[in-house]
Protein backbone atom coordinates (compact mmCIF):
# COMPACT_ATOMS: atom_id res chain seq x y z
CA MET A 1 -7.11 -25.19 -12.82
CA LYS A 2 -4.97 -28.24 -12.14
CA HIS A 3 -1.22 -28.00 -12.50
CA SER A 4 1.25 -30.80 -12.96
CA SER A 5 3.51 -29.66 -10.14
CA SER A 6 2.22 -30.93 -6.80
CA THR A 7 4.28 -28.47 -4.78
CA LEU A 8 5.78 -25.08 -5.27
CA ALA A 9 9.52 -24.75 -5.03
CA PRO A 10 11.05 -22.96 -2.02
CA VAL A 11 11.12 -19.19 -2.09
CA SER A 12 14.22 -18.13 -3.98
CA PRO A 13 15.72 -14.63 -3.81
CA ARG A 14 16.94 -14.99 -7.40
CA ALA A 15 13.68 -16.04 -9.01
CA GLY A 16 12.27 -13.71 -11.66
CA VAL A 17 15.57 -11.92 -12.36
CA HIS A 18 16.01 -11.37 -16.06
CA PRO A 19 19.62 -12.05 -17.19
CA GLU A 20 19.88 -8.50 -18.49
CA ALA A 21 19.23 -7.21 -14.98
CA LEU A 22 22.13 -9.02 -13.29
CA HIS A 23 24.35 -6.00 -13.96
CA ASP A 24 21.84 -3.81 -12.15
CA GLU A 25 22.15 -5.83 -8.97
CA ARG A 26 25.94 -5.50 -9.02
CA ARG A 27 25.98 -1.77 -9.73
CA GLY A 28 22.93 -0.58 -7.75
CA ARG A 29 20.33 1.57 -9.50
CA GLU A 30 22.12 3.26 -12.36
CA GLY A 31 19.17 2.58 -14.64
CA PRO A 32 18.55 0.51 -17.75
CA GLN A 33 21.31 -0.82 -19.94
CA ARG A 34 21.67 0.65 -23.41
CA CYS A 35 20.87 -2.60 -25.12
CA GLU A 36 17.62 -3.61 -26.74
CA PRO A 37 15.87 -6.97 -26.85
CA GLU A 38 15.48 -8.54 -30.23
CA ALA A 39 12.00 -8.63 -31.68
CA SER A 40 11.70 -12.25 -30.63
CA ASP A 41 12.24 -11.21 -26.99
CA TRP A 42 8.91 -9.43 -26.80
CA PRO A 43 6.22 -11.42 -24.96
CA SER A 44 4.29 -13.58 -27.36
CA PRO A 45 0.65 -14.60 -27.00
CA PRO A 46 0.42 -17.34 -24.36
CA ALA A 47 0.89 -20.91 -25.49
CA ARG A 48 -0.39 -23.10 -22.72
CA THR A 49 1.10 -26.45 -21.77
CA GLY A 50 0.53 -28.89 -18.97
CA HIS A 51 3.91 -28.15 -17.35
CA GLU A 52 4.09 -24.38 -17.20
CA ARG A 53 4.36 -22.24 -14.13
CA MET A 54 1.21 -20.89 -12.52
CA ARG A 55 0.42 -17.49 -14.02
CA VAL A 56 -0.38 -14.86 -11.41
CA MET A 57 -1.42 -11.28 -12.19
CA VAL A 58 -1.24 -8.73 -9.35
CA GLU A 59 -3.25 -5.50 -9.40
CA MET A 60 -0.66 -2.70 -9.07
CA ARG A 61 -2.93 0.36 -8.94
CA PRO A 62 -2.21 1.24 -5.27
CA ALA A 63 1.55 1.14 -5.93
CA LEU A 64 1.12 4.31 -8.00
CA GLU A 65 0.21 6.11 -4.79
CA GLY A 66 1.74 6.87 -1.41
CA PHE A 67 4.55 5.48 0.74
CA ALA A 68 2.86 3.34 3.36
CA GLY A 69 -0.22 1.22 3.98
CA ILE A 70 -1.74 -0.63 1.02
CA PRO A 71 0.74 0.84 -1.54
CA GLN A 72 3.63 -0.50 0.54
CA GLU A 73 2.01 -3.92 0.88
CA VAL A 74 1.42 -4.17 -2.88
CA ARG A 75 5.09 -3.49 -3.62
CA LEU A 76 6.28 -6.00 -1.03
CA LEU A 77 3.82 -8.64 -2.21
CA PHE A 78 4.76 -8.26 -5.87
CA ALA A 79 8.48 -8.53 -5.12
CA GLY A 80 7.89 -11.49 -2.80
CA LEU A 81 5.79 -13.46 -5.27
CA ARG A 82 8.42 -12.85 -7.96
CA ARG A 83 10.81 -14.85 -5.78
CA ILE A 84 8.64 -17.99 -5.81
CA ASP A 85 10.09 -20.19 -8.52
CA GLU A 86 6.88 -21.90 -9.58
CA LEU A 87 5.01 -18.64 -10.23
CA GLU A 88 5.08 -16.50 -13.35
CA VAL A 89 4.11 -13.14 -11.90
CA SER A 90 2.99 -10.09 -13.85
CA GLY A 91 1.40 -6.84 -12.71
CA MET A 92 -1.75 -5.14 -13.94
CA LEU A 93 -1.45 -1.40 -14.49
CA GLN A 94 -4.63 0.62 -14.04
CA THR A 95 -5.28 4.03 -12.56
CA SER A 96 -8.16 5.19 -10.41
CA HIS A 97 -9.30 7.97 -12.76
CA ARG A 98 -7.04 8.33 -15.83
CA MET A 99 -7.59 6.37 -19.03
CA LEU A 100 -4.39 4.60 -20.07
CA SER A 101 -3.14 3.83 -23.53
CA GLY A 102 -3.86 0.21 -24.26
CA GLY A 103 -0.34 -1.18 -24.70
CA ALA A 104 0.32 -3.93 -27.24
CA SER A 105 -2.31 -6.41 -28.36
CA PRO A 106 -1.54 -10.11 -29.02
CA ARG A 107 -1.80 -9.48 -32.77
CA GLN A 108 0.73 -6.67 -32.57
CA LEU A 109 3.04 -8.87 -30.53
CA ARG A 110 2.91 -11.55 -33.20
CA ARG A 111 3.93 -9.04 -35.86
CA ASN A 112 7.16 -8.35 -33.94
CA ASN A 113 7.44 -4.77 -35.26
CA ARG A 114 9.83 -3.55 -32.60
CA SER A 115 9.59 0.19 -33.29
CA GLN A 116 5.78 0.13 -33.20
CA LEU A 117 5.77 -1.99 -30.04
CA LEU A 118 8.14 0.41 -28.32
CA ASN A 119 6.01 3.37 -29.36
CA ARG A 120 2.81 1.80 -28.04
CA GLN A 121 4.42 0.95 -24.73
CA SER A 122 6.06 4.35 -24.40
CA LYS A 123 2.60 5.90 -24.82
CA VAL A 124 1.39 3.88 -21.83
CA ILE A 125 3.89 5.77 -19.70
CA VAL A 126 2.84 9.12 -21.17
CA SER A 127 -0.83 8.35 -20.56
CA LEU A 128 -0.23 8.09 -16.80
CA ALA A 129 0.36 11.84 -16.79
CA GLU A 130 -1.31 13.29 -19.90
CA THR A 131 -3.00 12.41 -23.17
CA PRO A 132 -0.46 10.99 -25.65
CA PHE A 133 0.03 12.84 -28.92
CA GLY A 134 -1.83 11.46 -31.93
CA PRO A 135 -3.90 12.42 -34.99
CA VAL A 136 -6.78 14.79 -34.29
CA ILE A 137 -9.38 12.12 -34.98
CA ASP A 138 -7.71 9.80 -32.45
CA ARG A 139 -7.62 12.54 -29.82
CA VAL A 140 -11.30 13.35 -30.38
CA ALA A 141 -12.23 9.68 -30.18
CA ARG A 142 -10.21 9.32 -26.98
CA TYR A 143 -11.91 12.38 -25.47
CA LEU A 144 -15.37 11.05 -26.27
CA ARG A 145 -14.45 7.60 -25.02
CA ARG A 146 -13.22 9.07 -21.74
CA LYS A 147 -16.36 11.14 -21.26
CA LEU A 148 -18.75 8.35 -22.21
CA ASN A 149 -16.79 5.40 -20.85
CA ALA A 150 -19.12 4.61 -17.97
CA LEU A 151 -22.23 4.90 -20.20
CA PHE A 152 -20.73 2.65 -22.88
CA LEU A 153 -19.70 0.11 -20.24
CA VAL A 154 -23.18 0.06 -18.73
CA ILE A 155 -24.72 -0.60 -22.15
CA LEU A 156 -22.18 -3.29 -23.00
CA VAL A 157 -22.45 -4.97 -19.60
CA SER A 158 -26.22 -4.98 -19.86
CA ILE A 159 -26.15 -6.91 -23.14
CA GLY A 160 -23.37 -9.24 -22.02
CA LEU A 161 -20.55 -7.64 -24.04
CA GLY A 162 -18.77 -5.60 -21.37
CA ARG A 163 -15.37 -7.26 -21.73
CA ILE A 164 -12.14 -5.29 -21.37
CA ARG A 165 -9.04 -6.36 -23.29
CA LEU A 166 -5.79 -6.29 -21.34
CA GLY A 167 -2.83 -4.95 -23.30
CA HIS A 168 0.82 -5.92 -22.84
CA PHE A 169 3.66 -3.82 -21.42
CA ASP A 170 7.21 -5.18 -21.09
CA SER A 171 9.31 -3.01 -18.77
CA ARG A 172 12.73 -4.35 -19.75
CA LEU A 173 13.40 -1.23 -21.82
CA PHE A 174 11.49 0.97 -19.36
CA ARG A 175 13.05 -0.14 -16.10
CA ASP A 176 13.67 3.38 -14.85
CA PHE A 177 9.95 4.06 -15.20
CA ALA A 178 8.91 0.79 -13.58
CA TRP A 179 11.27 1.16 -10.65
CA ARG A 180 10.76 4.82 -9.80
CA THR A 181 7.01 4.87 -10.48
CA LEU A 182 5.96 1.62 -8.82
CA PHE A 183 8.62 0.31 -6.44
CA ASP A 184 11.18 2.87 -5.31
CA LYS A 185 9.15 4.19 -2.36
CA THR A 186 9.31 0.86 -0.54
CA LEU A 187 11.72 -1.71 -1.93
CA PRO A 188 15.49 -1.81 -1.33
CA ASP A 189 17.91 -1.26 -4.20
CA SER A 190 18.70 -4.97 -4.29
CA ASP A 191 15.19 -5.65 -5.62
CA PHE A 192 15.75 -3.58 -8.77
CA GLY A 193 16.62 -6.62 -10.90
CA THR A 194 13.74 -8.65 -9.48
CA VAL A 195 10.92 -6.20 -10.24
CA ALA A 196 12.04 -3.54 -12.72
CA SER A 197 12.18 -5.98 -15.66
CA SER A 198 8.71 -7.36 -15.07
CA ARG A 199 5.91 -7.78 -17.55
CA PHE A 200 2.64 -5.99 -17.06
CA ARG A 201 -0.88 -6.05 -18.42
CA ILE A 202 -2.71 -2.79 -19.12
CA CYS A 203 -6.32 -2.15 -18.16
CA SER A 204 -7.02 1.11 -19.96
CA VAL A 205 -10.44 1.67 -18.36
CA PRO A 206 -10.12 3.53 -15.03
CA TRP A 207 -10.93 1.63 -11.85
CA HIS A 208 -13.43 4.31 -10.79
CA THR A 209 -15.22 4.12 -14.14
CA MET A 210 -15.66 0.36 -13.68
CA HIS A 211 -17.13 1.02 -10.24
CA LEU A 212 -19.63 3.51 -11.66
CA ALA A 213 -20.62 1.15 -14.45
CA GLY A 214 -21.41 -1.58 -11.94
CA LEU A 215 -23.32 0.73 -9.61
CA SER A 216 -25.43 1.94 -12.54
CA THR A 217 -26.77 -1.58 -13.07
CA LEU A 218 -28.40 -1.46 -9.62
CA ALA A 219 -31.23 0.45 -11.29
CA TRP A 220 -32.56 -2.94 -12.48
CA ARG A 221 -30.50 -5.50 -10.53
CA LYS A 222 -30.15 -6.45 -6.86
CA VAL A 223 -26.46 -7.25 -7.21
CA ALA A 224 -24.24 -4.95 -9.29
CA LEU A 225 -22.95 -6.36 -12.58
CA TYR A 226 -19.42 -5.25 -13.44
CA PRO A 227 -17.38 -5.33 -16.66
CA GLN A 228 -15.28 -8.43 -17.31
CA LEU A 229 -11.53 -8.48 -17.78
CA ARG A 230 -10.36 -10.75 -20.58
CA SER A 231 -8.01 -12.72 -18.35
CA GLU A 232 -8.16 -16.15 -19.97
CA ASP A 233 -4.36 -16.41 -20.12
CA VAL A 234 -4.04 -15.86 -16.35
CA ASP A 235 -4.59 -18.54 -13.69
CA LEU A 236 -4.89 -16.28 -10.64
CA PHE A 237 -5.72 -12.58 -10.36
CA ILE A 238 -4.85 -10.93 -7.03
CA ALA A 239 -6.97 -7.80 -6.60
CA GLN A 240 -6.31 -5.11 -4.02
CA THR A 241 -9.52 -4.29 -2.14
CA PRO A 242 -12.90 -5.39 -3.57
CA TYR A 243 -12.53 -5.31 -7.34
CA PRO A 244 -15.13 -3.69 -9.65
CA GLY A 245 -14.86 -6.32 -12.32
CA ARG A 246 -15.39 -9.93 -13.28
CA ILE A 247 -12.75 -12.20 -14.76
CA SER A 248 -12.65 -14.94 -17.36
CA PRO A 249 -14.14 -18.29 -16.22
CA ARG A 250 -10.79 -20.06 -16.18
CA THR A 251 -9.20 -17.42 -13.93
CA ARG A 252 -9.64 -17.44 -10.16
CA MET A 253 -9.87 -14.12 -8.33
CA ILE A 254 -8.19 -13.58 -4.97
CA VAL A 255 -9.13 -10.37 -3.18
CA ARG A 256 -6.47 -9.04 -0.84
CA TYR A 257 -8.90 -7.81 1.79
CA HIS A 258 -7.46 -5.03 3.93
CA ASP A 259 -10.42 -3.90 6.03
CA ALA A 260 -14.19 -3.41 6.13
CA ILE A 261 -13.93 0.16 7.40
CA PRO A 262 -15.86 1.76 4.48
CA VAL A 263 -18.91 -0.31 5.48
CA LEU A 264 -18.56 -0.73 9.25
CA LEU A 265 -17.17 2.76 10.01
CA PRO A 266 -18.44 4.87 7.09
CA HIS A 267 -18.39 8.03 9.23
CA THR A 268 -14.56 7.92 9.21
CA ILE A 269 -13.94 7.76 5.45
CA PRO A 270 -13.73 10.42 2.71
CA ASP A 271 -16.38 10.77 0.01
CA LYS A 272 -18.61 8.73 2.27
CA SER A 273 -21.51 7.96 -0.05
CA ILE A 274 -19.58 6.78 -3.10
CA HIS A 275 -16.78 5.14 -1.07
CA GLN A 276 -19.22 3.09 1.00
CA ALA A 277 -21.24 2.08 -2.06
CA THR A 278 -18.28 1.11 -4.22
CA HIS A 279 -16.76 -1.00 -1.46
CA PHE A 280 -19.92 -2.84 -0.47
CA HIS A 281 -21.29 -3.60 -3.93
CA ALA A 282 -17.95 -4.67 -5.41
CA LEU A 283 -17.38 -6.86 -2.34
CA GLN A 284 -20.85 -8.38 -2.68
CA ALA A 285 -20.26 -9.09 -6.37
CA ASN A 286 -16.86 -10.66 -5.63
CA VAL A 287 -18.40 -12.93 -2.99
CA ARG A 288 -21.24 -13.97 -5.32
CA ALA A 289 -18.74 -14.69 -8.12
CA GLY A 290 -16.82 -17.17 -5.95
CA ALA A 291 -13.71 -15.08 -5.25
CA TRP A 292 -11.30 -16.10 -2.52
CA PHE A 293 -10.20 -13.62 0.16
CA ALA A 294 -6.71 -13.32 1.60
CA CYS A 295 -7.32 -11.11 4.63
CA VAL A 296 -4.50 -9.09 6.19
CA SER A 297 -5.55 -10.08 9.72
CA GLU A 298 -7.95 -12.41 11.44
CA ALA A 299 -9.80 -9.37 12.76
CA THR A 300 -10.37 -8.24 9.17
CA ARG A 301 -11.50 -11.75 8.23
CA ARG A 302 -14.08 -11.69 11.04
CA ASP A 303 -15.40 -8.36 9.73
CA LEU A 304 -15.66 -9.85 6.23
CA LEU A 305 -17.68 -12.77 7.59
CA THR A 306 -19.88 -10.41 9.55
CA LEU A 307 -20.87 -8.90 6.22
CA PHE A 308 -20.89 -12.11 4.15
CA PRO A 309 -20.86 -15.33 6.21
CA GLU A 310 -20.99 -17.38 2.99
CA ALA A 311 -17.35 -16.41 2.29
CA GLU A 312 -16.02 -18.35 5.29
CA ALA A 313 -14.82 -21.39 3.32
CA ARG A 314 -13.14 -19.11 0.78
CA SER A 315 -11.26 -16.84 3.18
CA VAL A 316 -7.87 -17.13 4.82
CA THR A 317 -5.64 -14.87 6.90
CA ILE A 318 -2.19 -13.98 5.60
CA HIS A 319 -0.68 -11.07 7.47
CA ASN A 320 1.09 -8.18 5.81
CA MET A 321 4.86 -8.22 5.46
CA VAL A 322 7.10 -5.67 7.16
CA SER A 323 9.57 -4.00 4.85
CA PRO A 324 13.19 -5.23 5.10
CA ALA A 325 14.14 -1.56 5.46
CA TYR A 326 13.20 -1.86 9.15
CA PHE A 327 15.64 -3.78 11.33
CA PRO A 328 17.20 -3.46 14.79
CA GLN A 329 20.24 -1.20 14.64
CA GLU A 330 21.69 1.32 17.01
CA ALA A 331 20.78 4.79 15.79
CA ALA A 332 22.38 7.83 17.40
CA PRO A 333 19.77 10.16 18.93
CA GLU A 334 21.86 13.08 17.64
CA LYS A 335 20.45 12.32 14.19
CA VAL A 336 16.85 13.02 15.20
CA PRO A 337 16.90 16.87 15.07
CA GLY A 338 18.37 16.80 11.56
CA ILE A 339 15.73 14.36 10.37
CA ILE A 340 12.97 16.52 11.80
CA ARG A 341 14.34 19.64 10.11
CA ALA A 342 14.74 17.86 6.76
CA ARG A 343 11.29 16.27 6.73
CA LEU A 344 9.05 19.04 8.08
CA HIS A 345 5.57 18.90 6.58
CA GLU A 346 4.99 21.57 3.93
CA GLY A 347 1.21 21.64 4.29
CA ASP A 348 -0.98 22.00 1.23
CA ALA A 349 -0.44 25.30 -0.57
CA GLY A 350 -3.22 24.51 -3.04
CA LYS A 351 -5.74 24.39 -0.22
CA GLY A 352 -4.14 27.20 1.73
CA VAL A 353 -3.17 24.84 4.56
CA SER A 354 0.04 25.64 6.42
CA VAL A 355 1.44 23.48 9.22
CA SER A 356 4.59 25.47 9.96
CA PRO A 357 5.24 28.49 12.19
CA ALA A 358 5.40 31.83 10.42
CA PHE A 359 8.85 33.46 10.36
CA LEU A 360 9.88 36.90 9.18
CA THR A 361 13.45 35.93 8.33
CA ASN A 362 15.60 32.84 7.81
CA THR A 363 17.61 33.82 10.87
CA GLU A 364 14.46 33.75 12.97
CA ARG A 365 13.64 30.29 11.59
CA GLU A 366 17.10 28.92 12.34
CA ASN A 367 17.08 30.31 15.87
CA PHE A 368 13.64 28.80 16.50
CA TYR A 369 14.63 25.26 15.51
CA ARG A 370 18.03 25.52 17.19
CA ARG A 371 16.32 26.52 20.42
CA HIS A 372 13.74 23.71 20.35
CA LEU A 373 15.62 20.83 18.75
CA GLU A 374 19.26 21.15 19.73
CA GLY A 375 21.00 20.82 23.06
CA ALA A 376 19.84 18.04 25.37
CA THR A 377 18.77 14.69 23.89
CA LEU A 378 15.32 15.09 22.38
CA ARG A 379 12.58 13.19 24.20
CA TYR A 380 9.43 12.64 22.17
CA LEU A 381 6.37 10.51 21.52
CA LEU A 382 5.96 9.34 17.92
CA VAL A 383 2.82 8.64 15.90
CA VAL A 384 2.95 7.54 12.25
CA SER A 385 -0.33 7.75 10.34
CA THR A 386 -2.36 9.85 7.93
CA ILE A 387 -4.13 12.80 9.56
CA GLU A 388 -7.77 11.71 9.48
CA PRO A 389 -10.47 11.06 12.11
CA ARG A 390 -10.06 7.30 12.47
CA LYS A 391 -6.45 7.69 13.60
CA ASN A 392 -7.48 9.36 16.90
CA HIS A 393 -4.78 12.08 16.98
CA ASN A 394 -6.93 14.36 19.13
CA ARG A 395 -7.03 11.79 21.94
CA LEU A 396 -3.26 11.47 21.79
CA VAL A 397 -2.77 15.25 21.95
CA SER A 398 -5.04 15.47 25.00
CA ALA A 399 -3.10 12.75 26.83
CA TRP A 400 0.26 14.26 25.84
CA GLU A 401 -0.84 17.65 27.17
CA ARG A 402 -1.71 16.08 30.53
CA ILE A 403 1.61 14.24 30.75
CA ARG A 404 3.49 17.46 29.98
CA ALA A 405 1.52 19.43 32.56
CA ALA A 406 1.82 16.83 35.32
CA ALA A 407 5.30 15.38 34.99
CA ASP A 408 7.27 15.92 31.79
CA PRO A 409 7.16 19.46 30.32
CA ASP A 410 10.03 18.72 27.89
CA LEU A 411 8.30 15.78 26.20
CA LYS A 412 7.63 16.62 22.56
CA LEU A 413 5.28 15.04 20.01
CA VAL A 414 6.41 14.05 16.50
CA VAL A 415 3.64 13.31 13.98
CA VAL A 416 4.58 11.60 10.71
CA GLY A 417 1.88 11.46 8.04
CA GLY A 418 0.20 13.22 5.17
CA LEU A 419 -3.00 15.22 5.27
CA GLY A 420 -5.91 12.88 4.67
CA TRP A 421 -9.47 14.14 5.10
CA ASP A 422 -11.56 15.91 7.74
CA TYR A 423 -8.30 17.01 9.33
CA GLN A 424 -9.23 20.61 10.17
CA ARG A 425 -10.08 19.98 13.83
CA THR A 426 -6.90 18.02 14.37
CA LEU A 427 -4.71 20.70 12.78
CA ALA A 428 -6.37 23.27 15.02
CA ARG A 429 -5.25 21.21 18.05
CA PHE A 430 -1.74 20.95 16.60
CA SER A 431 -1.27 24.59 15.62
CA SER A 432 -0.52 26.25 18.98
CA TRP A 433 1.97 23.52 19.88
CA ILE A 434 3.65 23.81 16.48
CA GLU A 435 4.04 27.55 17.08
CA ARG A 436 5.73 26.82 20.42
CA GLY A 437 8.16 24.29 18.95
CA GLN A 438 6.76 21.37 20.94
CA LEU A 439 4.96 19.45 18.17
CA PHE A 440 6.51 18.67 14.79
CA MET A 441 4.64 17.44 11.73
CA LEU A 442 6.70 15.48 9.19
CA SER A 443 5.87 13.94 5.83
CA ALA A 444 7.48 11.78 3.13
CA VAL A 445 9.95 10.36 5.64
CA PRO A 446 12.03 7.62 3.98
CA SER A 447 12.41 4.34 5.82
CA PRO A 448 16.06 4.88 6.95
CA ASP A 449 15.04 8.12 8.67
CA LEU A 450 11.82 6.65 10.01
CA ARG A 451 13.81 3.76 11.46
CA VAL A 452 15.89 6.28 13.46
CA LEU A 453 12.73 8.02 14.71
CA TYR A 454 11.18 4.70 15.80
CA ARG A 455 14.37 3.65 17.57
CA ASN A 456 14.80 6.86 19.58
CA ALA A 457 11.19 7.67 20.46
CA GLN A 458 10.22 7.15 24.07
CA VAL A 459 7.30 5.19 22.65
CA THR A 460 5.47 4.92 19.35
CA VAL A 461 1.74 5.37 19.92
CA CYS A 462 -0.83 3.64 17.68
CA PRO A 463 -4.09 5.22 18.87
CA SER A 464 -6.53 4.31 16.03
CA PHE A 465 -10.19 3.46 16.53
CA ALA A 466 -9.97 0.81 13.80
CA GLU A 467 -7.34 -0.76 11.54
CA GLY A 468 -6.93 -3.62 9.13
CA PHE A 469 -3.35 -4.34 10.19
CA ASP A 470 -1.38 -1.18 11.24
CA PHE A 471 2.17 -1.24 9.93
CA SER A 472 3.55 1.45 12.24
CA GLY A 473 3.63 -0.69 15.38
CA VAL A 474 5.37 -3.59 13.64
CA GLU A 475 7.87 -1.23 12.00
CA ALA A 476 8.61 0.34 15.38
CA MET A 477 9.16 -3.06 16.99
CA ARG A 478 11.35 -4.19 14.11
CA SER A 479 13.43 -1.00 14.48
CA GLY A 480 14.02 -1.58 18.19
CA GLY A 481 11.32 0.75 19.48
CA CYS A 482 8.48 0.13 21.89
CA VAL A 483 4.75 0.46 21.28
CA ILE A 484 1.60 1.65 23.03
CA ALA A 485 -1.58 0.82 21.13
CA SER A 486 -5.33 1.22 21.32
CA ASP A 487 -7.07 -1.86 22.65
CA ILE A 488 -8.74 -3.03 19.45
CA ALA A 489 -8.89 -6.58 18.14
CA VAL A 490 -6.38 -6.15 15.33
CA HIS A 491 -3.76 -4.59 17.60
CA ARG A 492 -4.11 -7.42 20.13
CA GLU A 493 -3.73 -9.91 17.28
CA VAL A 494 -0.80 -8.31 15.47
CA TYR A 495 1.17 -6.85 18.40
CA ASP A 496 0.36 -9.65 20.87
CA ASP A 497 2.19 -9.15 24.20
CA ALA A 498 4.69 -6.64 22.78
CA ALA A 499 2.57 -3.53 23.43
CA LEU A 500 0.77 -1.79 26.27
CA TYR A 501 -2.91 -1.21 25.54
CA PHE A 502 -5.47 1.49 26.32
CA SER A 503 -9.08 2.21 25.40
CA PRO A 504 -9.17 4.46 22.34
CA TYR A 505 -12.17 6.23 23.87
CA SER A 506 -10.49 7.18 27.17
CA THR A 507 -7.93 9.96 27.50
CA GLY A 508 -7.37 8.92 31.12
CA ALA A 509 -6.54 5.36 30.11
CA LEU A 510 -3.94 6.62 27.62
CA VAL A 511 -2.45 8.95 30.25
CA ASP A 512 -2.14 6.04 32.70
CA VAL A 513 -0.42 3.80 30.15
CA LEU A 514 1.95 6.57 29.08
CA ALA A 515 2.83 7.22 32.72
CA ARG A 516 3.58 3.52 33.26
CA ALA A 517 5.88 3.49 30.27
CA LEU A 518 7.65 6.82 30.85
CA GLU A 519 8.06 7.42 34.58
CA GLY A 520 11.25 6.56 36.40
CA GLU A 521 13.19 3.33 36.53
CA ALA A 522 10.01 1.23 36.39
CA GLY A 523 9.06 2.89 33.09
CA GLU A 524 12.53 2.35 31.69
CA ALA A 525 12.33 -1.35 32.62
CA ARG A 526 8.91 -1.67 30.96
CA ARG A 527 10.23 -0.09 27.76
CA ALA A 528 13.19 -2.45 27.73
CA ASP A 529 10.82 -5.40 28.16
CA LEU A 530 8.60 -4.14 25.32
CA ARG A 531 11.62 -3.87 23.06
CA ARG A 532 12.61 -7.47 23.79
CA ARG A 533 9.10 -8.73 23.16
CA GLY A 534 8.72 -6.56 20.07
CA GLU A 535 11.81 -8.03 18.48
CA VAL A 536 10.26 -11.50 18.74
CA VAL A 537 6.78 -10.46 17.56
CA ALA A 538 8.01 -8.38 14.60
CA ARG A 539 9.89 -11.37 13.16
CA ARG A 540 6.51 -12.99 12.47
CA TYR A 541 5.94 -10.47 9.67
CA LEU A 542 9.26 -10.74 7.84
CA PRO A 543 9.02 -11.86 4.18
CA GLU A 544 10.65 -15.20 5.01
CA ALA A 545 7.83 -15.89 7.46
CA ILE A 546 4.94 -14.67 5.29
CA LEU A 547 5.93 -15.76 1.77
CA PRO A 548 5.72 -19.52 2.51
CA ARG A 549 2.09 -18.94 3.51
CA TRP A 550 1.44 -17.23 0.19
CA ARG A 551 3.20 -20.08 -1.60
CA ASP A 552 1.04 -22.70 0.11
CA PHE A 553 -2.16 -20.73 -0.43
CA LEU A 554 -1.50 -20.19 -4.13
CA ARG A 555 -0.61 -23.84 -4.51
CA GLN A 556 -4.01 -24.66 -3.02
CA MET A 557 -5.65 -22.32 -5.52
CA GLY A 558 -3.78 -23.89 -8.42
CA ASP A 559 -4.72 -27.42 -7.39
CA LYS A 560 -8.44 -26.66 -7.26
CA PRO A 561 -10.49 -27.76 -10.31
């Protein structure tokens, strides 16, 4: 895969902006223009030359989910790569469990029948939520295909025919969909023109189905054999997490490796049996197939090599990027009570889980929150993470209770994060404090509000037993907050000297560190020092620091035979 250009051009903030989208950047996010591309504007089947840009396809599946973590990184990475002039970046749309409509085929693109192309691409959007309308025979065939997909794939893979065609989807006429479905949760408005007019490929077979097909082959193989994507018109495919598929011989796979937790800490994950198996066997197959690994931290890279030492020469560390939505800015503490009220967690009504106090009347509710949130400046600890065992919330609650009892009875705890799995014990610890107005659970907090919470917290605590990177500490530092973190390898690597550390297995150690950071003038001086250090450390993860590393790495991939 040798390219004529010996270097990639500098990162440009204007790269990848379609001319039609320039109006969007000037007017914000009003949505797509009411103008249509001519038939000749639709993407045509690739015609390869010796002087074209390197073609990179990014797996976008996680961007369909969640605000933070891997979904956030995928959005930031896609937007960042779109700014590198020498790359032609597209996304690959695939869901975990739903079968998608296939989009447009190369033959249909060549026909340039605009109305039919629009219809096929519109049905892709519909298929993300429900089965598109069609003739009865088509709906029956689709139903059978969905039910028997894994079986058919196993049979086809076994005889060497398990290849999946990737359809085409051009979002220039569907920019509202592309922006609000894939990017809006993370990217600033100024990125609308960069990403909303992108081109995508469609993998109609669900990601989970591909996993099951590969695992089924273990009945007669030592290493799982997965279906193959027909990716011959792509130079590089960037997968998120170990990918349950092979690629065309001329395409190189890069796995964005976030962590080895499903294998090394399987007791902390949901759906333990299938999650552990899918991760390990897809990872093993990727390693055997010669994939490269771009690990989010050196700690994660070491875990990868613990599992598969043979991947050492094909693995690098490129840290995650912090969102530009986090930056140092004075934020009035008076805003905090309003943010808490507006973002209170609603629980999960479907599962009968409530995380709010019970009130008889609205007046009682208003009096409760006025009594506990208004008046003197709110003093609180902040933790930002999904509620699940690996995040170590119970240890934090125990330490917070001791600090309140010994020295600081007005110190509150603010927990930002959705309900993950195995959270019942943690919610039981939370419940009595929620009823007393001393602990507040928030969810779906947008970055401007979260920035205010980071800035005004006494400290942000990152208490996890294990992480691949841990965005919350970097976001807090970038927002002008200070951080206390569990003493694990990835925290030491990412946070460096800008955090105070404690053993995640010792409540006493956390109490001691909290006391050092909170008590008296000495604590105030330590927090000020952490803020200064954090400002320096957080700059390491800005896009302008990370994207050149991606540029150089992808150039290396493109120059390899």
